[in-house]
Amino acid sequence: TWGPAREPEDVDRAAALIEQTYQRHGYPATDPAVLATTILAQRRWFGEANHMLLVCREEDRLVGAVTGFGNGSQWVVSMLGLDYSVDRRYSLYFNLGYYLTMEYAVRRGATSIGYGIEALHAKLLRGMSLQPKWALVEPPEAAGGTWSRAVREHNLRSVRRLNETFGERVADAVTAQWSPHAPPGTEHVRSTPVVRSNAR
């Protein structure tokens, strides 16, 4: 069965699944208790109406969970946890990670949903679009001229990765939106674009 979690008893199991998913994809270990605290904190910060914790159950066992939050037209999918022993049977990744979250957010007024920076190919195949993001970083005083060179090299590597993954047309479309200018003493550090779905 699919739907909203029966809190609070589902939070700990959801947190354990999220940690399992993080480890599978090479993220640093995170204590599931910290993830459970984060889920509950998101709910407090955004309010019940603007928070989602959606789950899939096999009988009474939680086998998948996704969290997110939003306000009005803008929603973000935050964390996804899957029991990989049953993932393929229920298509947990696609159903929880995309379709159920999309339905939930659209019913609450979403016109745009942020799906994060991983699995770009799978997201683009589902009609989502890349939205470039960047950070404005003030260099440490001791860095001197090496700072600008390091930022330029990082940006060039990012563009090369986009070219290799998606071809020059996508990379050009994204990089054209990145501003080449920065205020004095700062540099734009270009990050991987966030994928957004413009919900209709």
Protein backbone atom coordinates (compact mmCIF):
# COMPACT_ATOMS: atom_id res chain seq x y z
CA THR A 1 0.00 0.00 0.00
CA TRP A 2 1.08 3.56 -0.72
CA GLY A 3 0.37 6.77 1.13
CA PRO A 4 1.25 9.11 3.99
CA ALA A 5 3.15 7.65 6.94
CA ARG A 6 1.45 6.75 10.17
CA GLU A 7 3.65 8.88 12.36
CA PRO A 8 5.48 8.70 14.71
CA GLU A 9 6.02 4.93 14.51
CA ASP A 10 7.10 5.05 10.84
CA VAL A 11 9.77 7.72 11.28
CA ASP A 12 12.44 5.40 12.69
CA ARG A 13 11.95 2.78 9.96
CA ALA A 14 11.95 5.50 7.27
CA ALA A 15 15.21 6.89 8.71
CA ALA A 16 16.81 3.42 8.65
CA LEU A 17 15.81 2.97 4.99
CA ILE A 18 17.18 6.41 4.09
CA GLU A 19 20.51 5.57 5.76
CA GLN A 20 20.63 2.22 3.92
CA THR A 21 20.05 4.06 0.63
CA TYR A 22 22.73 6.66 1.44
CA GLN A 23 25.28 3.94 2.16
CA ARG A 24 24.41 2.06 -1.02
CA HIS A 25 25.22 5.19 -3.03
CA GLY A 26 28.48 5.99 -1.24
CA TYR A 27 27.41 8.76 1.12
CA PRO A 28 29.08 9.04 4.53
CA ALA A 29 27.39 7.06 7.29
CA THR A 30 24.66 8.96 9.12
CA ASP A 31 23.09 7.79 12.34
CA PRO A 32 19.44 6.89 11.59
CA ALA A 33 18.48 8.65 14.85
CA VAL A 34 19.84 11.89 13.35
CA LEU A 35 17.82 11.32 10.17
CA ALA A 36 14.67 10.65 12.25
CA THR A 37 15.27 13.90 14.12
CA THR A 38 15.68 15.69 10.77
CA ILE A 39 12.36 14.31 9.47
CA LEU A 40 10.54 15.47 12.59
CA ALA A 41 12.29 18.85 12.51
CA GLN A 42 11.25 19.37 8.87
CA ARG A 43 7.67 18.68 9.88
CA ARG A 44 7.87 21.22 12.71
CA TRP A 45 9.60 23.88 10.56
CA PHE A 46 7.31 23.63 7.55
CA GLY A 47 4.12 22.59 9.31
CA GLU A 48 2.06 19.50 8.71
CA ALA A 49 0.34 20.90 5.60
CA ASN A 50 3.70 21.67 3.94
CA HIS A 51 5.58 18.47 4.80
CA MET A 52 5.41 15.03 3.25
CA LEU A 53 6.51 11.66 4.52
CA LEU A 54 5.13 9.12 2.06
CA VAL A 55 5.65 5.39 2.38
CA CYS A 56 5.14 2.03 0.75
CA ARG A 57 4.21 -0.98 2.87
CA GLU A 58 4.41 -4.67 2.14
CA GLU A 59 1.71 -5.92 4.48
CA ASP A 60 2.69 -4.14 7.74
CA ARG A 61 6.38 -3.73 6.88
CA LEU A 62 7.64 -0.35 5.66
CA VAL A 63 9.71 -0.94 2.49
CA GLY A 64 10.10 2.60 1.14
CA ALA A 65 9.86 6.20 2.29
CA VAL A 66 10.31 9.67 0.83
CA THR A 67 10.33 13.06 2.53
CA GLY A 68 9.84 16.53 1.16
CA PHE A 69 8.44 19.94 1.89
CA GLY A 70 7.05 22.96 0.16
CA ASN A 71 5.04 26.09 0.32
CA GLY A 72 2.40 26.88 -2.25
CA SER A 73 3.77 26.38 -5.75
CA GLN A 74 7.35 25.37 -4.82
CA TRP A 75 8.09 21.89 -3.43
CA VAL A 76 11.32 19.94 -2.85
CA VAL A 77 11.88 16.20 -2.51
CA SER A 78 14.35 15.81 0.34
CA MET A 79 15.27 12.20 1.24
CA LEU A 80 14.45 8.79 -0.22
CA GLY A 81 14.86 5.41 1.47
CA LEU A 82 14.32 2.03 -0.20
CA ASP A 83 14.36 -1.61 0.82
CA TYR A 84 16.35 -2.90 -2.16
CA SER A 85 15.19 -6.48 -1.59
CA VAL A 86 11.75 -5.46 -2.91
CA ASP A 87 12.57 -2.33 -4.95
CA ARG A 88 12.04 -3.95 -8.34
CA ARG A 89 8.85 -5.70 -7.30
CA TYR A 90 7.17 -2.38 -6.50
CA SER A 91 9.29 0.03 -8.58
CA LEU A 92 9.91 1.89 -5.35
CA TYR A 93 12.44 4.31 -6.80
CA PHE A 94 10.12 5.57 -9.52
CA ASN A 95 6.82 5.33 -7.67
CA LEU A 96 7.99 6.93 -4.43
CA GLY A 97 10.78 9.07 -5.80
CA TYR A 98 8.80 10.65 -8.63
CA TYR A 99 5.17 9.74 -9.22
CA LEU A 100 3.74 9.66 -5.68
CA THR A 101 5.63 12.80 -4.63
CA MET A 102 4.47 14.59 -7.78
CA GLU A 103 0.84 13.67 -7.17
CA TYR A 104 1.07 14.68 -3.50
CA ALA A 105 2.69 18.06 -4.20
CA VAL A 106 0.45 18.95 -7.17
CA ARG A 107 -2.64 18.33 -5.04
CA ARG A 108 -1.23 20.93 -2.66
CA GLY A 109 -0.70 23.56 -5.34
CA ALA A 110 2.80 22.75 -6.63
CA THR A 111 3.75 24.04 -10.06
CA SER A 112 7.46 23.24 -9.62
CA ILE A 113 9.13 20.39 -7.73
CA GLY A 114 12.87 20.20 -7.03
CA TYR A 115 14.23 16.66 -7.37
CA GLY A 116 17.88 17.24 -6.50
CA ILE A 117 21.13 16.73 -8.37
CA GLU A 118 21.53 12.97 -8.74
CA ALA A 119 20.24 10.61 -11.46
CA LEU A 120 19.98 13.40 -14.02
CA HIS A 121 19.43 11.04 -16.96
CA ALA A 122 16.46 9.27 -15.34
CA LYS A 123 14.91 12.62 -14.46
CA LEU A 124 15.40 14.13 -17.90
CA LEU A 125 13.75 11.06 -19.45
CA ARG A 126 10.67 11.86 -17.35
CA GLY A 127 10.34 15.35 -18.79
CA MET A 128 12.13 17.27 -16.07
CA SER A 129 14.41 20.18 -16.84
CA LEU A 130 17.82 21.24 -15.61
CA GLN A 131 17.97 24.41 -13.58
CA PRO A 132 21.48 25.72 -13.01
CA LYS A 133 22.54 26.63 -9.48
CA TRP A 134 25.70 28.20 -8.21
CA ALA A 135 27.24 29.29 -4.95
CA LEU A 136 28.95 32.61 -4.36
CA VAL A 137 32.10 31.95 -2.37
CA GLU A 138 34.34 34.53 -0.72
CA PRO A 139 37.94 33.30 -0.97
CA PRO A 140 40.09 33.05 2.14
CA GLU A 141 42.64 35.86 2.29
CA ALA A 142 45.56 33.44 2.32
CA ALA A 143 44.46 31.84 -0.97
CA GLY A 144 45.80 34.62 -3.19
CA GLY A 145 45.78 33.94 -6.97
CA THR A 146 45.38 30.19 -6.54
CA TRP A 147 41.73 30.67 -5.61
CA SER A 148 40.54 31.93 -9.00
CA ARG A 149 42.48 29.21 -10.81
CA ALA A 150 40.93 26.49 -8.60
CA VAL A 151 37.41 27.85 -9.23
CA ARG A 152 37.99 28.02 -13.02
CA GLU A 153 39.30 24.44 -13.04
CA HIS A 154 36.30 23.24 -11.03
CA ASN A 155 33.92 24.97 -13.45
CA LEU A 156 35.66 23.50 -16.51
CA ARG A 157 35.46 19.99 -15.00
CA SER A 158 31.73 20.51 -14.38
CA VAL A 159 31.13 21.55 -17.99
CA ARG A 160 33.17 18.59 -19.28
CA ARG A 161 31.07 16.22 -17.14
CA LEU A 162 27.86 17.72 -18.55
CA ASN A 163 29.22 17.38 -22.10
CA GLU A 164 30.20 13.75 -21.55
CA THR A 165 26.89 12.85 -19.94
CA PHE A 166 24.33 14.80 -21.94
CA GLY A 167 26.09 16.21 -24.98
CA GLU A 168 27.08 19.75 -25.78
CA ARG A 169 23.55 21.09 -26.38
CA VAL A 170 22.46 20.45 -22.80
CA ALA A 171 25.73 21.65 -21.33
CA ASP A 172 25.64 24.81 -23.46
CA ALA A 173 22.06 25.53 -22.42
CA VAL A 174 22.98 25.21 -18.76
CA THR A 175 26.26 27.09 -18.85
CA ALA A 176 24.71 29.93 -20.86
CA GLN A 177 22.57 30.69 -17.83
CA TRP A 178 25.52 30.82 -15.43
CA SER A 179 26.73 34.35 -14.89
CA PRO A 180 30.41 34.78 -15.82
CA HIS A 181 30.64 37.81 -13.54
CA ALA A 182 30.99 37.92 -9.80
CA PRO A 183 31.29 40.77 -7.32
CA PRO A 184 34.89 41.82 -6.57
CA GLY A 185 36.65 39.37 -4.29
CA THR A 186 34.26 36.49 -5.00
CA GLU A 187 33.96 33.73 -7.57
CA HIS A 188 31.02 31.72 -8.85
CA VAL A 189 31.49 28.06 -8.05
CA ARG A 190 29.24 26.23 -10.48
CA SER A 191 27.58 23.17 -9.14
CA THR A 192 25.68 20.37 -10.82
CA PRO A 193 22.26 21.69 -11.83
CA VAL A 194 19.18 20.86 -9.80
CA VAL A 195 16.47 18.99 -11.68
CA ARG A 196 12.98 20.46 -11.52
CA SER A 197 9.66 19.17 -12.76
CA ASN A 198 7.26 21.84 -13.87
CA ALA A 199 4.07 20.23 -12.66
CA ARG A 200 0.94 20.78 -14.70
